[in-house]
Amino acid sequence: MPTLEFKGKQHIYAHHLTVPYRPLEPDESKSCNPIDTDDNLIIHGDNLHALKALLPRCANRIKCIYIDPPYNTGNGEWEYNDNVNSPLMQAWFDQHSPVDSEDLERHDKWLCMMWPRLHLLKELLTEDGTIFISIDHNEQHHLRMLMDEIFGEQNIVANFTWWSKYTLSNDSKTVSYQHENILSYAKNLEVCQIGVLPRTPEMDKSYKNPDEDPKGPWKATPLHAKSGRDEDRYSLKFPNGVTWHCPEGRFPRYTEKGLTELYNDGQLYFGRSGKSQPNKKTYLSEVKAGKTVGSLWPYQEVGSTHQANEELASVMGKGVFNNPKGTKLIQRVFQTANLSSDDIVLDSFAGSGTTAHAVLALNKEDDGNRKFILIECEDYADTITAERIRRVINGVPEARDDALREGLGGSFTYCNLGKPIEVESMLTGEALPAYAALAANLLYTTSGVSVGADTLEAQNDDGLFHSDDKNDYYLIYKPDLEYLRGNAAILNLERAERIRDTSRENDRKAIVYAAGNYIGQRELTQMGIIFCQLPDALHER
């Protein structure tokens, strides 16, 4: 498969693996009706670090991802600040930052920004999950090749076209663009199920029941197809005296036996006279529950950029945010992603918060329990992103929409990113993570286990914090440097024997994280214990 080469790729190729883990720190003062650890989230911070922070909690759990990254138009709307460990990269990115049209390498920089984020986003998706990325002509062709490489070209769902503007820009130097692209990929297209759109009254008008068929309304469909073989052609005389001849140039869709069975089952219609050439009945009750999603999304169905601006203005006032997306567009994304009532949606370029608004509106409509996670790095994460969601939750008195006026209900927990969990900081005691944060990070980075929103705490004095079908996981730890330097933090024989006995009772092995141990690995192996020393255990999977 062809791959996309760009300047800096060799430096950022594995950068997503080296990003330090930073725990999420809730801020109650900016949260809205927070309920528990399994709440909706709005995260303020660099989205690369925030995505890494979500892995222990959400890996393989996000059903739908929608992102609206910078379009890289050359207007200096974004700045690259990833801490890639390369002096050459840092010097390169210092040039023309924010990235503008004078930078002849702005496409390379944009690809360097997107590469590690897309890798982490893929890791967060469920096996049947899908990602949707809004983009325009500036980077659409590059993004397609990038997605082919990261997600696999066999997993493309579609390159949807959103007809976003119904007016022309007469001041355009060349062509007035009236559309944007939404590029969609599945993590695994073989198991992904694309949703359907609700059927419209117009679609159902042709279904009637003139003969009071017990199966309900139906419409007539031809018995013949346009392709086939000459030897398949035949004529059939029905018991009611009508002879059916396959029309010249056409070929039968059914065998003689199959057509006879349709007649016996009452699924053929011979017109009001009962003597006309037959048609098969296609029953409304048996057709697809909705209509297939098309690749063109017209503004009449999913809203326009103008309507998106009006929608945001009705909640926040005019002029607070440029180029927001509308909730109707995002709900079309949800329909295409076949979102269930308890799935999780992630938006790591949250902007004005439209994705969360769309989730809450859909939950209000069908009493669902979908969850959202928003990530926004800019300072307006509180004043615009989160504030919009506070208002739609609690109600917007001036809104025209009844549901929005009374409030959509819901909640979210506002989080900041904590200090990185790094080996050097742990050795000096400068930044010792909380027990739950360290346990979650160890569990994911060394074993690939994600436990959702569960808070991991020690369940007994030996540090058991998680169990699965095969292993018990122990962490002997307190965020106290004196404790970690003392005997209490060491795996000794007495503790190891208790761990051995507990795990053997449940037919499991034991994985123990601790600052040190007094037992040889051979003896630990005989006891069914795998020992991982802190902080050395903090390696990347």
Protein backbone atom coordinates (compact mmCIF):
# COMPACT_ATOMS: atom_id res chain seq x y z
CA MET A 1 0.00 0.00 0.00
CA PRO A 2 1.34 3.48 -0.82
CA THR A 3 2.29 5.54 2.23
CA LEU A 4 2.38 9.28 2.75
CA GLU A 5 5.81 10.75 3.40
CA PHE A 6 6.18 14.19 4.98
CA LYS A 7 8.86 16.18 6.73
CA GLY A 8 9.15 15.27 10.40
CA LYS A 9 7.42 11.90 10.11
CA GLN A 10 10.46 10.02 11.38
CA HIS A 11 10.42 12.11 14.55
CA ILE A 12 6.71 11.81 15.33
CA TYR A 13 6.23 8.23 14.11
CA ALA A 14 6.12 6.82 17.65
CA HIS A 15 5.55 10.06 19.53
CA HIS A 16 2.14 8.91 20.82
CA LEU A 17 3.95 6.15 22.75
CA THR A 18 6.26 8.59 24.54
CA VAL A 19 3.60 11.07 25.68
CA PRO A 20 3.54 10.91 29.51
CA TYR A 21 0.41 9.83 31.34
CA ARG A 22 -1.31 12.70 33.16
CA PRO A 23 -4.25 11.92 35.46
CA LEU A 24 -7.54 13.79 35.17
CA GLU A 25 -8.20 16.17 38.05
CA PRO A 26 -11.87 17.18 38.51
CA ASP A 27 -12.72 20.83 39.15
CA GLU A 28 -16.03 20.91 41.03
CA SER A 29 -16.37 24.69 40.68
CA LYS A 30 -16.62 24.38 36.88
CA SER A 31 -18.59 21.12 36.76
CA CYS A 32 -22.36 20.95 36.31
CA ASN A 33 -24.46 18.60 38.44
CA PRO A 34 -21.58 16.07 38.70
CA ILE A 35 -22.90 12.65 39.63
CA ASP A 36 -20.18 9.99 39.85
CA THR A 37 -17.01 8.72 38.25
CA ASP A 38 -18.97 7.63 35.16
CA ASP A 39 -20.06 11.19 34.35
CA ASN A 40 -19.79 13.10 31.10
CA LEU A 41 -16.41 14.82 30.85
CA ILE A 42 -15.14 18.17 29.62
CA ILE A 43 -11.35 18.19 29.73
CA HIS A 44 -9.29 21.37 29.51
CA GLY A 45 -5.81 20.72 28.23
CA ASP A 46 -3.68 19.66 25.28
CA ASN A 47 -5.69 17.06 23.43
CA LEU A 48 -2.68 14.82 22.83
CA HIS A 49 -2.06 14.55 26.57
CA ALA A 50 -5.78 14.32 27.28
CA LEU A 51 -6.19 11.41 24.87
CA LYS A 52 -3.30 9.60 26.59
CA ALA A 53 -4.95 10.30 29.95
CA LEU A 54 -8.16 8.67 28.71
CA LEU A 55 -6.56 5.38 27.65
CA PRO A 56 -6.69 3.62 31.06
CA ARG A 57 -10.33 4.63 31.35
CA CYS A 58 -11.67 4.48 27.79
CA ALA A 59 -9.47 2.31 25.56
CA ASN A 60 -11.69 0.28 23.21
CA ARG A 61 -14.82 1.90 24.73
CA ILE A 62 -15.64 4.89 22.49
CA LYS A 63 -18.30 4.03 19.88
CA CYS A 64 -18.19 7.28 17.90
CA ILE A 65 -15.50 9.93 17.51
CA TYR A 66 -16.18 13.24 15.80
CA ILE A 67 -13.40 15.80 15.40
CA ASP A 68 -13.20 19.15 13.67
CA PRO A 69 -9.44 19.85 13.51
CA PRO A 70 -7.89 23.03 12.09
CA TYR A 71 -8.45 23.15 8.33
CA ASN A 72 -4.95 24.61 7.81
CA THR A 73 -6.20 27.35 5.53
CA GLY A 74 -3.07 29.45 6.09
CA ASN A 75 -4.81 32.01 8.26
CA GLY A 76 -2.69 31.22 11.32
CA GLU A 77 -5.57 29.54 13.17
CA TRP A 78 -3.41 26.90 14.88
CA GLU A 79 -0.02 26.49 16.52
CA TYR A 80 2.03 23.33 16.91
CA ASN A 81 3.41 22.86 20.42
CA ASP A 82 3.90 19.09 20.86
CA ASN A 83 7.02 18.44 22.90
CA VAL A 84 8.72 16.14 20.42
CA ASN A 85 12.15 15.14 21.71
CA SER A 86 14.12 16.49 18.79
CA PRO A 87 15.98 19.85 18.69
CA LEU A 88 15.64 19.87 14.90
CA MET A 89 11.86 19.49 15.17
CA GLN A 90 11.59 22.19 17.82
CA ALA A 91 13.62 24.64 15.76
CA TRP A 92 11.57 23.82 12.67
CA PHE A 93 8.24 24.38 14.40
CA ASP A 94 9.37 27.66 15.90
CA GLN A 95 9.30 29.05 12.39
CA HIS A 96 5.98 30.56 11.31
CA SER A 97 4.10 29.75 14.49
CA PRO A 98 1.12 30.08 14.45
CA VAL A 99 1.22 28.32 11.09
CA ASP A 100 0.29 30.74 8.30
CA SER A 101 0.22 30.94 4.52
CA GLU A 102 3.84 32.15 4.41
CA ASP A 103 4.96 28.77 5.72
CA LEU A 104 5.63 26.58 2.69
CA GLU A 105 5.80 23.53 4.95
CA ARG A 106 2.47 24.08 6.71
CA HIS A 107 1.05 20.84 5.28
CA ASP A 108 3.95 18.85 6.77
CA LYS A 109 3.41 20.50 10.16
CA TRP A 110 -0.31 19.77 10.05
CA LEU A 111 0.38 16.10 9.33
CA CYS A 112 2.88 15.99 12.21
CA MET A 113 0.16 17.37 14.49
CA MET A 114 -2.51 14.89 13.34
CA TRP A 115 -0.42 11.68 13.23
CA PRO A 116 -0.04 10.94 16.98
CA ARG A 117 -3.57 12.09 17.78
CA LEU A 118 -5.12 9.76 15.22
CA HIS A 119 -3.14 6.83 16.63
CA LEU A 120 -4.50 7.47 20.13
CA LEU A 121 -8.03 8.03 18.82
CA LYS A 122 -7.93 4.67 17.08
CA GLU A 123 -6.87 3.00 20.33
CA LEU A 124 -9.89 4.50 22.10
CA LEU A 125 -12.46 3.22 19.57
CA THR A 126 -14.52 0.10 20.12
CA GLU A 127 -13.92 -2.68 17.62
CA ASP A 128 -17.14 -1.69 15.81
CA GLY A 129 -16.60 2.06 16.33
CA THR A 130 -16.26 4.80 13.72
CA ILE A 131 -14.45 8.13 13.47
CA PHE A 132 -15.72 11.16 11.53
CA ILE A 133 -13.40 14.05 10.64
CA SER A 134 -14.59 17.38 9.23
CA ILE A 135 -12.15 18.81 6.71
CA ASP A 136 -12.06 20.97 3.59
CA HIS A 137 -10.04 20.97 0.37
CA ASN A 138 -6.85 22.27 2.00
CA GLU A 139 -5.99 18.96 3.70
CA GLN A 140 -8.65 16.50 2.56
CA HIS A 141 -6.33 14.67 0.17
CA HIS A 142 -3.54 14.42 2.76
CA LEU A 143 -5.93 13.29 5.47
CA ARG A 144 -7.27 10.50 3.26
CA MET A 145 -3.78 9.05 2.82
CA LEU A 146 -3.00 9.50 6.51
CA MET A 147 -6.17 7.62 7.49
CA ASP A 148 -5.41 4.87 4.98
CA GLU A 149 -2.07 4.33 6.67
CA ILE A 150 -3.28 4.45 10.29
CA PHE A 151 -6.73 2.87 10.03
CA GLY A 152 -6.23 0.83 6.84
CA GLU A 153 -7.67 1.69 3.44
CA GLN A 154 -10.03 -1.28 3.74
CA ASN A 155 -11.76 0.41 6.68
CA ILE A 156 -12.97 3.57 4.97
CA VAL A 157 -16.70 4.10 5.46
CA ALA A 158 -17.18 7.07 3.14
CA ASN A 159 -16.02 10.53 2.21
CA PHE A 160 -19.27 12.35 2.97
CA THR A 161 -20.00 15.69 1.36
CA TRP A 162 -21.80 18.25 3.50
CA TRP A 163 -23.54 20.87 1.36
CA SER A 164 -22.91 23.54 3.97
CA LYS A 165 -23.70 26.83 2.22
CA TYR A 166 -26.70 27.72 0.10
CA THR A 167 -25.26 31.04 -1.12
CA LEU A 168 -22.29 31.86 -3.34
CA SER A 169 -19.38 34.05 -2.25
CA ASN A 170 -19.00 36.52 -5.11
CA ASP A 171 -15.74 37.82 -3.68
CA SER A 172 -14.07 34.44 -4.20
CA LYS A 173 -11.08 34.69 -6.53
CA THR A 174 -11.83 31.35 -8.22
CA VAL A 175 -14.58 28.94 -7.16
CA SER A 176 -16.99 29.55 -4.29
CA TYR A 177 -16.84 26.46 -2.11
CA GLN A 178 -20.29 25.45 -0.85
CA HIS A 179 -19.34 22.15 0.73
CA GLU A 180 -17.06 20.53 3.28
CA ASN A 181 -15.97 16.92 3.62
CA ILE A 182 -16.53 14.54 6.52
CA LEU A 183 -14.13 11.65 6.15
CA SER A 184 -15.19 8.51 8.04
CA TYR A 185 -13.30 5.31 8.88
CA ALA A 186 -14.20 2.28 10.95
CA LYS A 187 -11.77 0.62 13.30
CA ASN A 188 -12.87 -2.69 11.75
CA LEU A 189 -15.33 -2.35 8.88
CA GLU A 190 -16.07 -6.09 8.91
CA VAL A 191 -17.84 -5.82 12.28
CA CYS A 192 -19.00 -2.20 12.00
CA GLN A 193 -22.72 -1.66 11.37
CA ILE A 194 -23.62 1.59 9.66
CA GLY A 195 -26.92 3.01 10.86
CA VAL A 196 -29.95 3.98 8.82
CA LEU A 197 -31.94 7.21 8.71
CA PRO A 198 -35.58 7.40 9.78
CA ARG A 199 -38.08 6.69 7.03
CA THR A 200 -39.99 9.72 5.81
CA PRO A 201 -43.77 9.91 5.12
CA GLU A 202 -42.92 10.37 1.44
CA MET A 203 -41.13 7.01 1.39
CA ASP A 204 -44.18 5.23 2.78
CA LYS A 205 -46.81 6.84 0.54
CA SER A 206 -46.49 4.17 -2.16
CA TYR A 207 -47.35 1.38 0.30
CA LYS A 208 -51.11 0.67 0.27
CA ASN A 209 -53.41 -2.29 0.93
CA PRO A 210 -56.13 -2.38 -1.79
CA ASP A 211 -56.81 -6.10 -1.27
CA GLU A 212 -56.76 -5.97 2.56
CA ASP A 213 -53.73 -8.27 2.74
CA PRO A 214 -53.31 -9.48 6.36
CA LYS A 215 -49.60 -8.60 6.20
CA GLY A 216 -50.47 -4.93 5.85
CA PRO A 217 -49.55 -2.21 3.32
CA TRP A 218 -47.46 -3.21 0.33
CA LYS A 219 -46.28 -1.95 -3.04
CA ALA A 220 -45.85 -3.81 -6.33
CA THR A 221 -42.35 -4.68 -7.55
CA PRO A 222 -41.39 -6.30 -10.90
CA LEU A 223 -40.76 -10.03 -11.14
CA HIS A 224 -37.88 -9.73 -13.59
CA ALA A 225 -34.33 -8.41 -13.40
CA LYS A 226 -32.09 -6.85 -16.05
CA SER A 227 -29.37 -9.51 -16.04
CA GLY A 228 -29.28 -13.26 -16.34
CA ARG A 229 -28.86 -16.11 -18.80
CA ASP A 230 -31.02 -17.17 -21.74
CA GLU A 231 -31.48 -20.67 -20.29
CA ASP A 232 -33.08 -19.11 -17.20
CA ARG A 233 -36.03 -17.74 -19.18
CA TYR A 234 -39.42 -19.50 -18.89
CA SER A 235 -43.21 -18.98 -18.97
CA LEU A 236 -45.59 -20.06 -16.21
CA LYS A 237 -49.37 -20.55 -16.18
CA PHE A 238 -50.95 -19.83 -12.79
CA PRO A 239 -54.05 -21.61 -11.42
CA ASN A 240 -56.08 -18.41 -11.91
CA GLY A 241 -55.57 -18.73 -15.68
CA VAL A 242 -52.97 -16.00 -16.12
CA THR A 243 -49.84 -16.96 -18.06
CA TRP A 244 -46.71 -15.04 -17.23
CA HIS A 245 -44.14 -14.59 -19.96
CA CYS A 246 -40.76 -13.13 -19.10
CA PRO A 247 -40.58 -9.93 -21.20
CA GLU A 248 -38.17 -9.88 -24.14
CA GLY A 249 -34.71 -8.73 -23.13
CA ARG A 250 -35.36 -9.41 -19.44
CA PHE A 251 -34.52 -12.36 -17.24
CA PRO A 252 -36.48 -13.84 -14.35
CA ARG A 253 -35.66 -12.93 -10.76
CA TYR A 254 -37.31 -16.14 -9.44
CA THR A 255 -37.32 -19.79 -10.49
CA GLU A 256 -40.59 -21.44 -11.51
CA LYS A 257 -40.76 -23.14 -8.13
CA GLY A 258 -40.07 -19.88 -6.30
CA LEU A 259 -42.71 -18.02 -8.27
CA THR A 260 -45.28 -20.75 -7.59
CA GLU A 261 -44.53 -20.50 -3.86
CA LEU A 262 -45.12 -16.74 -4.00
CA TYR A 263 -48.49 -17.37 -5.63
CA ASN A 264 -49.48 -19.95 -3.03
CA ASP A 265 -48.50 -17.56 -0.24
CA GLY A 266 -50.65 -14.77 -1.69
CA GLN A 267 -47.65 -12.57 -2.43
CA LEU A 268 -48.52 -11.92 -6.08
CA TYR A 269 -50.90 -9.18 -7.23
CA PHE A 270 -52.74 -9.59 -10.57
CA GLY A 271 -54.27 -6.10 -10.71
CA ARG A 272 -57.80 -5.06 -9.80
CA SER A 273 -59.22 -7.37 -12.47
CA GLY A 274 -57.26 -10.33 -11.13
CA LYS A 275 -56.13 -11.16 -14.69
CA SER A 276 -53.26 -8.72 -15.28
CA GLN A 277 -49.60 -9.68 -15.43
CA PRO A 278 -48.45 -10.30 -11.82
CA ASN A 279 -46.24 -8.19 -9.60
CA LYS A 280 -44.69 -9.24 -6.32
CA LYS A 281 -45.85 -7.57 -3.13
CA THR A 282 -43.16 -5.84 -1.08
CA TYR A 283 -44.53 -5.29 2.41
CA LEU A 284 -43.85 -2.17 4.43
CA SER A 285 -43.49 -4.34 7.54
CA GLU A 286 -40.61 -6.23 5.90
CA VAL A 287 -38.58 -3.40 4.40
CA LYS A 288 -35.53 -1.88 6.07
CA ALA A 289 -36.43 0.02 9.24
CA GLY A 290 -35.01 3.19 7.74
CA LYS A 291 -33.37 4.56 4.62
CA THR A 292 -29.74 4.05 3.72
CA VAL A 293 -27.37 6.90 4.53
CA GLY A 294 -26.26 8.76 1.41
CA SER A 295 -22.85 10.28 0.77
CA LEU A 296 -24.35 13.74 0.14
CA TRP A 297 -25.65 15.57 3.21
CA PRO A 298 -27.66 18.58 2.03
CA TYR A 299 -28.22 21.55 4.29
CA GLN A 300 -31.98 21.02 4.02
CA GLU A 301 -31.51 17.83 6.08
CA VAL A 302 -28.51 18.53 8.32
CA GLY A 303 -28.41 22.31 8.51
CA SER A 304 -26.06 24.90 7.05
CA THR A 305 -23.20 26.96 8.45
CA HIS A 306 -25.62 29.89 8.76
CA GLN A 307 -28.04 27.80 10.81
CA ALA A 308 -25.19 26.56 13.01
CA ASN A 309 -24.22 30.16 13.78
CA GLU A 310 -27.83 31.03 14.58
CA GLU A 311 -28.13 28.00 16.86
CA LEU A 312 -25.03 28.94 18.85
CA ALA A 313 -26.12 32.58 19.02
CA SER A 314 -29.46 31.51 20.52
CA VAL A 315 -27.55 29.99 23.45
CA MET A 316 -24.45 32.15 23.84
CA GLY A 317 -25.16 35.37 21.94
CA LYS A 318 -23.71 36.45 18.61
CA GLY A 319 -20.05 36.51 17.69
CA VAL A 320 -18.63 34.35 20.48
CA PHE A 321 -17.20 31.63 18.22
CA ASN A 322 -16.33 31.39 14.54
CA ASN A 323 -17.53 28.58 12.28
CA PRO A 324 -19.32 26.29 14.74
CA LYS A 325 -20.96 23.08 13.56
CA GLY A 326 -24.69 22.52 14.10
CA THR A 327 -26.39 19.85 16.19
CA LYS A 328 -28.33 18.51 13.18
CA LEU A 329 -25.07 17.75 11.40
CA ILE A 330 -23.62 15.97 14.44
CA GLN A 331 -26.80 13.97 14.94
CA ARG A 332 -26.50 12.76 11.34
CA VAL A 333 -23.02 11.57 12.36
CA PHE A 334 -24.60 9.70 15.31
CA GLN A 335 -27.20 8.08 13.03
CA THR A 336 -24.50 6.95 10.61
CA ALA A 337 -22.38 5.60 13.48
CA ASN A 338 -25.39 3.53 14.61
CA LEU A 339 -25.15 5.02 18.08
CA SER A 340 -26.99 3.07 20.79
CA SER A 341 -28.67 4.63 23.80
CA ASP A 342 -25.73 3.98 26.16
CA ASP A 343 -22.71 4.55 23.89
CA ILE A 344 -19.88 7.05 24.46
CA VAL A 345 -19.03 9.88 22.04
CA LEU A 346 -15.67 11.67 21.99
CA ASP A 347 -14.75 15.04 20.48
CA SER A 348 -11.10 15.99 21.00
CA PHE A 349 -11.35 19.34 19.15
CA ALA A 350 -14.45 20.41 21.04
CA GLY A 351 -14.62 24.09 20.08
CA SER A 352 -18.04 25.50 20.94
CA GLY A 353 -19.29 22.20 22.39
CA THR A 354 -21.77 21.24 19.65
CA THR A 355 -21.07 17.52 20.06
CA ALA A 356 -22.13 17.53 23.73
CA HIS A 357 -25.19 19.63 22.88
CA ALA A 358 -26.18 17.08 20.23
CA VAL A 359 -25.75 14.17 22.68
CA LEU A 360 -27.90 15.84 25.34
CA ALA A 361 -30.59 16.73 22.79
CA LEU A 362 -30.73 13.14 21.55
CA ASN A 363 -30.91 11.80 25.12
CA LYS A 364 -33.77 14.19 25.84
CA GLU A 365 -35.59 13.03 22.71
CA ASP A 366 -35.43 9.27 23.34
CA ASP A 367 -34.60 9.08 27.07
CA GLY A 368 -31.16 7.69 26.25
CA ASN A 369 -28.09 7.53 28.46
CA ARG A 370 -25.33 8.35 25.97
CA LYS A 371 -22.16 9.88 27.37
CA PHE A 372 -19.91 12.56 25.90
CA ILE A 373 -16.24 13.41 26.39
CA LEU A 374 -15.04 16.79 25.14
CA ILE A 375 -11.41 17.96 25.01
CA GLU A 376 -10.51 21.60 24.43
CA CYS A 377 -7.03 23.09 24.83
CA GLU A 378 -7.91 26.77 24.49
CA ASP A 379 -8.69 29.12 27.38
CA TYR A 380 -12.35 29.27 26.31
CA ALA A 381 -12.84 25.64 27.42
CA ASP A 382 -14.66 27.02 30.48
CA THR A 383 -16.19 30.26 29.19
CA ILE A 384 -17.53 28.95 25.87
CA THR A 385 -17.31 25.14 25.59
CA ALA A 386 -18.44 24.27 29.10
CA GLU A 387 -20.63 27.34 29.52
CA ARG A 388 -22.71 26.41 26.49
CA ILE A 389 -23.33 22.97 27.94
CA ARG A 390 -24.23 24.41 31.35
CA ARG A 391 -26.84 26.58 29.66
CA VAL A 392 -28.40 23.85 27.54
CA ILE A 393 -28.52 21.58 30.61
CA ASN A 394 -30.19 24.16 32.85
CA GLY A 395 -32.28 25.92 30.20
CA VAL A 396 -32.01 28.99 27.97
CA PRO A 397 -34.92 31.34 28.80
CA GLU A 398 -34.76 33.21 25.46
CA ALA A 399 -34.64 30.09 23.28
CA ARG A 400 -37.40 29.46 20.75
CA ASP A 401 -37.11 25.70 21.09
CA ASP A 402 -39.31 24.44 23.96
CA ALA A 403 -36.91 21.68 25.05
CA LEU A 404 -33.94 24.06 25.07
CA ARG A 405 -35.92 26.70 26.96
CA GLU A 406 -36.73 24.31 29.81
CA GLY A 407 -33.29 22.65 29.67
CA LEU A 408 -32.09 19.35 28.27
CA GLY A 409 -30.95 18.04 31.64
CA GLY A 410 -27.77 16.10 32.25
CA SER A 411 -24.43 16.72 33.89
CA PHE A 412 -20.70 16.84 33.33
CA THR A 413 -17.47 16.84 35.30
CA TYR A 414 -14.93 19.47 34.29
CA CYS A 415 -11.35 18.22 34.47
CA ASN A 416 -7.85 19.59 34.12
CA LEU A 417 -4.75 17.54 33.41
CA GLY A 418 -2.60 16.70 36.42
CA LYS A 419 1.18 16.50 36.54
CA PRO A 420 2.74 13.79 34.35
CA ILE A 421 3.54 10.46 35.94
CA GLU A 422 7.23 10.24 35.11
CA VAL A 423 9.98 8.05 36.49
CA GLU A 424 12.30 10.96 37.32
CA SER A 425 9.60 12.75 39.33
CA MET A 426 8.76 9.58 41.25
CA LEU A 427 12.38 8.92 42.13
CA THR A 428 12.77 12.39 43.63
CA GLY A 429 9.33 12.44 45.23
CA GLU A 430 8.45 15.69 43.42
CA ALA A 431 5.29 14.32 41.82
CA LEU A 432 3.94 11.15 43.37
CA PRO A 433 0.61 10.24 41.75
CA ALA A 434 -2.48 9.25 43.70
CA TYR A 435 -2.98 5.52 44.22
CA ALA A 436 -5.95 5.29 41.81
CA ALA A 437 -4.14 7.20 39.05
CA LEU A 438 -1.02 5.06 39.28
CA ALA A 439 -3.02 1.82 39.46
CA ALA A 440 -5.03 2.71 36.34
CA ASN A 441 -1.92 3.69 34.42
CA LEU A 442 -0.01 0.54 35.40
CA LEU A 443 -2.94 -1.69 34.57
CA TYR A 444 -3.23 -0.28 31.07
CA THR A 445 0.42 0.29 30.13
CA THR A 446 1.68 -3.09 31.33
CA SER A 447 -1.39 -5.28 30.70
CA GLY A 448 -3.55 -3.37 28.21
CA VAL A 449 -6.53 -3.50 30.58
CA SER A 450 -9.01 -0.59 30.60
CA VAL A 451 -11.53 -0.54 33.43
CA GLY A 452 -13.80 2.28 32.34
CA ALA A 453 -14.76 4.84 34.94
CA ASP A 454 -14.10 2.54 37.91
CA THR A 455 -11.86 4.05 40.55
CA LEU A 456 -9.09 1.63 41.46
CA GLU A 457 -8.28 1.50 45.16
CA ALA A 458 -6.61 -1.13 47.36
CA GLN A 459 -9.18 -3.72 48.44
CA ASN A 460 -7.03 -5.25 51.18
CA ASP A 461 -3.81 -4.64 53.10
CA ASP A 462 -1.76 -6.43 50.46
CA GLY A 463 -2.79 -3.96 47.73
CA LEU A 464 -5.20 -6.00 45.60
CA PHE A 465 -6.84 -3.43 43.31
CA HIS A 466 -8.21 -5.38 40.32
CA SER A 467 -8.97 -8.93 39.19
CA ASP A 468 -9.93 -10.50 35.90
CA ASP A 469 -10.37 -14.10 34.72
CA LYS A 470 -6.63 -14.81 34.70
CA ASN A 471 -4.88 -12.42 37.08
CA ASP A 472 -5.08 -10.60 40.39
CA TYR A 473 -3.35 -7.21 40.33
CA TYR A 474 -1.62 -5.83 43.44
CA LEU A 475 -0.08 -2.41 43.99
CA ILE A 476 1.88 -1.87 47.21
CA TYR A 477 2.07 1.91 47.21
CA LYS A 478 1.28 5.18 48.96
CA PRO A 479 2.06 8.63 47.51
CA ASP A 480 4.62 9.14 50.25
CA LEU A 481 8.36 9.00 49.55
CA GLU A 482 9.22 7.93 53.13
CA TYR A 483 6.75 5.04 52.86
CA LEU A 484 8.20 3.97 49.51
CA ARG A 485 11.70 3.93 51.02
CA GLY A 486 10.64 1.81 54.01
CA ASN A 487 10.02 -1.88 54.54
CA ALA A 488 6.23 -1.47 54.35
CA ALA A 489 6.46 -0.90 50.59
CA ILE A 490 8.51 -4.07 50.00
CA LEU A 491 7.13 -7.43 48.91
CA ASN A 492 8.32 -9.76 51.69
CA LEU A 493 7.80 -13.49 52.13
CA GLU A 494 4.84 -13.19 54.50
CA ARG A 495 2.94 -10.92 52.13
CA ALA A 496 3.89 -13.01 49.09
CA GLU A 497 2.51 -16.17 50.73
CA ARG A 498 -0.80 -14.43 51.46
CA ILE A 499 -1.00 -13.22 47.87
CA ARG A 500 -0.14 -16.71 46.61
CA ASP A 501 -2.85 -18.35 48.70
CA THR A 502 -5.52 -15.80 47.75
CA SER A 503 -4.81 -16.05 44.02
CA ARG A 504 -4.61 -19.86 44.02
CA GLU A 505 -8.02 -20.03 45.67
CA ASN A 506 -9.43 -18.24 42.63
CA ASP A 507 -7.22 -20.15 40.15
CA ARG A 508 -5.41 -16.97 39.10
CA LYS A 509 -1.86 -15.71 38.87
CA ALA A 510 -0.78 -12.59 40.75
CA ILE A 511 0.91 -9.51 39.29
CA VAL A 512 2.48 -7.37 42.01
CA TYR A 513 3.75 -3.80 41.57
CA ALA A 514 6.00 -2.61 44.41
CA ALA A 515 9.11 -0.56 45.12
CA GLY A 516 11.12 -3.70 45.85
CA ASN A 517 11.06 -7.30 47.06
CA TYR A 518 13.05 -9.66 49.30
CA ILE A 519 12.35 -12.82 47.30
CA GLY A 520 14.09 -14.24 44.24
CA GLN A 521 12.17 -14.41 40.96
CA ARG A 522 12.52 -18.21 40.80
CA GLU A 523 10.68 -18.58 44.10
CA LEU A 524 8.09 -15.99 43.03
CA THR A 525 7.50 -17.91 39.81
CA GLN A 526 6.85 -21.09 41.80
CA MET A 527 4.32 -19.11 43.85
CA GLY A 528 2.56 -17.91 40.68
CA ILE A 529 3.62 -14.27 41.20
CA ILE A 530 4.98 -11.87 38.59
CA PHE A 531 6.84 -8.99 40.23
CA CYS A 532 7.09 -5.53 38.60
CA GLN A 533 9.30 -3.01 40.33
CA LEU A 534 8.34 0.64 40.70
CA PRO A 535 9.16 2.94 39.06
CA ASP A 536 10.66 0.61 36.44
CA ALA A 537 7.19 -0.85 35.86
CA LEU A 538 6.15 2.44 34.31
CA HIS A 539 7.20 1.40 30.85
CA GLU A 540 5.07 1.86 27.75
CA ARG A 541 3.27 -1.16 26.39
